[in-house]
């Protein structure tokens, strides 16, 4: 079913970031690549964290009507994935949704209450990756974690990796956007540029400008692919 839905170019695309600087970086790329595009792009900054992201996504749908695809973009921390690379989520996990007991953290699905994992759409994912592969962009694909609290210690990072060994990045909004998109039956992509490494909080090692530049490159590729 999914592949049949994407055999045409989407006409209406929602891109949601957390903060305005991320949004502006994406807009700059979209503007560079959209010449001749038949797509209508709505690009918003929806706030930090999964609750704000989910609510802002639903608000955009209610205000603007149906979208053919929703893309969550922004910067993120990498689990051994180098700064300046671009991560495409094949699945997004709400990593800290659960409870603690004597044995440690228990994910919510283990308790029988809903799900904490959502898959992303494959068709546009593959086309955008193929486009970026022709450029000087390092690309990684895999599991991306959404957290409510940014990891700031080596101990916390190690706990996350032990729970989710396939994780390659950590962010704060992806699952919220994915959950809203899933409720509305709209395909979703999660794309992140890496600004820092998950672990001890060291602002001096962060490369925010580099990550923002990568968002611009991705935005341009999205506009060029979705013509």
Protein backbone atom coordinates (compact mmCIF):
# COMPACT_ATOMS: atom_id res chain seq x y z
CA UNK A 1 0.00 0.00 0.00
CA UNK A 2 2.72 2.48 0.99
CA UNK A 3 4.66 2.21 -2.26
CA UNK A 4 1.47 2.70 -4.31
CA UNK A 5 0.77 5.94 -2.45
CA UNK A 6 4.08 7.49 -3.44
CA UNK A 7 4.29 6.87 -7.15
CA UNK A 8 3.34 10.52 -7.74
CA UNK A 9 5.10 13.63 -6.51
CA UNK A 10 3.48 15.02 -3.36
CA UNK A 11 1.78 18.37 -3.86
CA UNK A 12 1.59 19.55 -0.26
CA UNK A 13 4.51 19.06 2.10
CA UNK A 14 4.71 20.00 5.80
CA UNK A 15 8.19 20.41 7.26
CA UNK A 16 8.34 20.93 11.01
CA UNK A 17 11.42 21.87 13.03
CA UNK A 18 11.80 22.65 16.73
CA UNK A 19 13.28 26.17 16.63
CA UNK A 20 13.35 29.10 14.23
CA UNK A 21 17.02 28.79 13.33
CA UNK A 22 16.44 25.24 12.09
CA UNK A 23 13.36 26.40 10.19
CA UNK A 24 15.25 29.25 8.53
CA UNK A 25 18.08 26.93 7.47
CA UNK A 26 15.57 24.58 5.85
CA UNK A 27 13.72 27.44 4.15
CA UNK A 28 16.98 28.69 2.66
CA UNK A 29 17.57 25.28 1.09
CA UNK A 30 13.98 24.89 -0.12
CA UNK A 31 14.15 28.31 -1.78
CA UNK A 32 17.37 27.35 -3.58
CA UNK A 33 15.97 24.09 -4.91
CA UNK A 34 12.31 24.77 -5.58
CA UNK A 35 12.58 26.45 -9.00
CA UNK A 36 9.92 24.86 -11.18
CA UNK A 37 8.58 22.79 -8.27
CA UNK A 38 4.88 22.00 -8.28
CA UNK A 39 4.90 21.39 -4.53
CA UNK A 40 3.49 23.65 -1.85
CA UNK A 41 5.78 23.72 1.20
CA UNK A 42 4.57 24.69 4.67
CA UNK A 43 7.58 25.07 6.97
CA UNK A 44 7.10 25.80 10.67
CA UNK A 45 8.99 25.76 13.96
CA UNK A 46 6.76 23.83 16.33
CA UNK A 47 8.60 24.03 19.63
CA UNK A 48 10.98 21.83 21.59
CA UNK A 49 10.02 18.38 22.83
CA UNK A 50 7.62 15.64 21.72
CA UNK A 51 4.46 17.24 23.16
CA UNK A 52 5.00 20.60 21.45
CA UNK A 53 5.98 18.85 18.22
CA UNK A 54 2.89 16.65 18.17
CA UNK A 55 0.51 19.47 19.03
CA UNK A 56 2.07 21.80 16.44
CA UNK A 57 1.84 19.11 13.77
CA UNK A 58 -1.85 18.56 14.47
CA UNK A 59 -2.47 22.33 14.54
CA UNK A 60 -0.82 22.71 11.12
CA UNK A 61 -2.99 19.93 9.70
CA UNK A 62 -6.14 21.49 11.15
CA UNK A 63 -5.26 24.96 9.81
CA UNK A 64 -3.86 24.05 6.39
CA UNK A 65 -5.71 20.86 5.54
CA UNK A 66 -4.30 17.54 4.40
CA UNK A 67 -0.59 17.13 3.60
CA UNK A 68 0.79 14.45 1.32
CA UNK A 69 3.87 14.01 3.50
CA UNK A 70 5.22 15.39 6.79
CA UNK A 71 8.96 15.79 7.38
CA UNK A 72 10.53 16.41 10.78
CA UNK A 73 13.92 18.11 10.42
CA UNK A 74 16.48 19.60 12.79
CA UNK A 75 19.80 19.02 14.47
CA UNK A 76 20.54 16.07 16.74
CA UNK A 77 23.16 14.29 18.78
CA UNK A 78 24.93 11.29 17.30
CA UNK A 79 25.83 7.96 18.82
CA UNK A 80 29.27 7.72 17.23
CA UNK A 81 27.92 9.35 14.07
CA UNK A 82 30.18 12.20 13.11
CA UNK A 83 29.22 15.85 13.35
CA UNK A 84 28.09 17.27 10.03
CA UNK A 85 26.60 14.01 8.79
CA UNK A 86 22.92 13.55 7.97
CA UNK A 87 20.78 10.87 9.62
CA UNK A 88 17.64 9.40 8.07
CA UNK A 89 15.40 7.57 10.53
CA UNK A 90 14.03 4.26 9.33
CA UNK A 91 12.20 4.06 12.66
CA UNK A 92 11.72 6.48 15.55
CA UNK A 93 11.55 5.29 19.16
CA UNK A 94 10.23 7.29 22.12
CA UNK A 95 13.15 6.11 24.19
CA UNK A 96 12.27 7.33 27.69
CA UNK A 97 8.53 6.59 27.64
CA UNK A 98 8.06 3.96 30.32
CA UNK A 99 8.51 3.26 34.02
CA UNK A 100 11.32 2.37 36.39
CA UNK A 101 11.34 -0.65 38.67
CA UNK A 102 14.01 -2.44 40.69
CA UNK A 103 15.51 -3.88 37.52
CA UNK A 104 15.72 -0.49 35.81
CA UNK A 105 13.81 1.10 32.93
CA UNK A 106 10.84 -0.71 31.38
CA UNK A 107 9.55 0.61 28.01
CA UNK A 108 5.81 1.31 27.85
CA UNK A 109 4.99 -1.40 25.26
CA UNK A 110 6.42 -4.02 27.61
CA UNK A 111 3.69 -3.01 30.07
CA UNK A 112 1.04 -3.41 27.40
CA UNK A 113 0.27 0.31 27.05
CA UNK A 114 0.53 1.40 23.43
CA UNK A 115 3.66 1.63 21.31
CA UNK A 116 6.87 3.59 21.44
CA UNK A 117 8.12 2.85 17.90
CA UNK A 118 6.95 4.17 14.54
CA UNK A 119 8.38 3.46 11.09
CA UNK A 120 8.99 6.19 8.54
CA UNK A 121 7.97 6.25 4.88
CA UNK A 122 10.42 4.50 2.58
CA UNK A 123 9.78 5.85 -0.92
CA UNK A 124 10.71 9.53 -0.49
CA UNK A 125 13.37 8.54 2.01
CA UNK A 126 15.15 6.54 -0.71
CA UNK A 127 14.85 9.28 -3.34
CA UNK A 128 16.22 12.01 -1.07
CA UNK A 129 19.08 9.77 0.08
CA UNK A 130 19.94 9.03 -3.55
CA UNK A 131 20.00 12.76 -4.32
CA UNK A 132 22.23 13.60 -1.35
CA UNK A 133 24.55 10.71 -2.17
CA UNK A 134 25.63 12.63 -5.27
CA UNK A 135 26.76 15.52 -3.08
CA UNK A 136 29.53 15.78 -0.48
CA UNK A 137 27.24 14.62 2.32
CA UNK A 138 27.85 11.75 4.73
CA UNK A 139 24.59 9.84 5.21
CA UNK A 140 23.56 7.34 7.86
CA UNK A 141 20.28 5.44 8.08
CA UNK A 142 18.91 3.73 11.16
CA UNK A 143 17.05 4.03 14.45
CA UNK A 144 16.61 7.50 15.90
CA UNK A 145 15.60 8.04 19.52
CA UNK A 146 13.23 10.73 20.76
CA UNK A 147 13.82 11.76 24.37
CA UNK A 148 12.18 14.26 26.70
CA UNK A 149 15.48 15.06 28.39
CA UNK A 150 18.68 15.50 26.38
CA UNK A 151 21.37 13.06 27.47
CA UNK A 152 24.19 14.82 29.31
CA UNK A 153 26.34 12.14 30.95
CA UNK A 154 28.29 9.12 29.81
CA UNK A 155 26.25 6.93 32.18
CA UNK A 156 22.95 8.02 30.61
CA UNK A 157 24.33 7.57 27.10
CA UNK A 158 25.49 4.05 27.92
CA UNK A 159 22.06 3.16 29.34
CA UNK A 160 20.36 4.32 26.15
CA UNK A 161 22.77 2.34 23.99
CA UNK A 162 22.22 -0.78 26.06
CA UNK A 163 18.45 -0.42 25.67
CA UNK A 164 18.59 0.54 21.99
CA UNK A 165 21.86 -0.79 20.51
CA UNK A 166 20.84 0.13 16.93
CA UNK A 167 20.31 3.81 17.75
CA UNK A 168 22.42 6.25 15.75
CA UNK A 169 21.01 9.59 16.93
CA UNK A 170 19.01 11.30 19.67
CA UNK A 171 16.53 14.17 19.29
CA UNK A 172 13.46 15.57 21.07
CA UNK A 173 10.62 15.87 18.54
CA UNK A 174 10.56 13.02 16.03
CA UNK A 175 8.16 10.67 17.76
CA UNK A 176 5.73 13.51 18.48
CA UNK A 177 5.58 14.43 14.80
CA UNK A 178 5.41 10.78 13.75
CA UNK A 179 2.59 10.06 16.20
CA UNK A 180 0.45 12.93 14.85
CA UNK A 181 1.18 11.91 11.27
CA UNK A 182 0.30 8.29 12.04
CA UNK A 183 -3.01 9.33 13.62
CA UNK A 184 -3.91 11.27 10.48
CA UNK A 185 -2.72 8.57 8.06
CA UNK A 186 0.01 10.77 6.54
CA UNK A 187 3.47 9.36 5.67
CA UNK A 188 6.34 10.86 7.65
CA UNK A 189 10.10 11.26 7.33
CA UNK A 190 12.64 12.03 10.06
CA UNK A 191 15.83 13.76 8.87
CA UNK A 192 18.51 15.11 11.22
CA UNK A 193 21.92 16.73 10.87
CA UNK A 194 24.39 15.88 13.61
CA UNK A 195 25.73 18.78 15.68
CA UNK A 196 27.26 16.93 18.64
CA UNK A 197 27.87 13.57 20.22
CA UNK A 198 25.49 12.01 22.76
CA UNK A 199 27.18 11.86 26.14
CA UNK A 200 28.82 14.33 28.53
CA UNK A 201 27.46 17.81 27.80
CA UNK A 202 30.32 19.76 26.21
CA UNK A 203 29.04 22.82 24.37
CA UNK A 204 32.53 23.71 23.12
CA UNK A 205 32.56 20.56 20.97
CA UNK A 206 29.21 21.25 19.33
CA UNK A 207 29.22 22.27 15.67
CA UNK A 208 25.88 24.03 15.33
CA UNK A 209 26.79 26.10 12.26
CA UNK A 210 27.94 22.99 10.41
CA UNK A 211 24.71 21.16 11.26
CA UNK A 212 22.59 24.11 10.14
CA UNK A 213 24.44 24.23 6.82
CA UNK A 214 23.64 20.55 6.35
CA UNK A 215 19.95 21.25 6.92
CA UNK A 216 20.11 23.77 4.07
CA UNK A 217 21.66 21.20 1.76
CA UNK A 218 18.99 18.67 2.68
CA UNK A 219 16.25 21.23 2.17
CA UNK A 220 17.52 21.99 -1.32
CA UNK A 221 17.63 18.28 -2.18
CA UNK A 222 14.07 17.80 -0.91
CA UNK A 223 12.81 20.61 -3.14
CA UNK A 224 14.71 19.24 -6.14
CA UNK A 225 13.35 15.71 -5.64
CA UNK A 226 9.76 16.69 -4.92
CA UNK A 227 9.11 18.59 -8.16
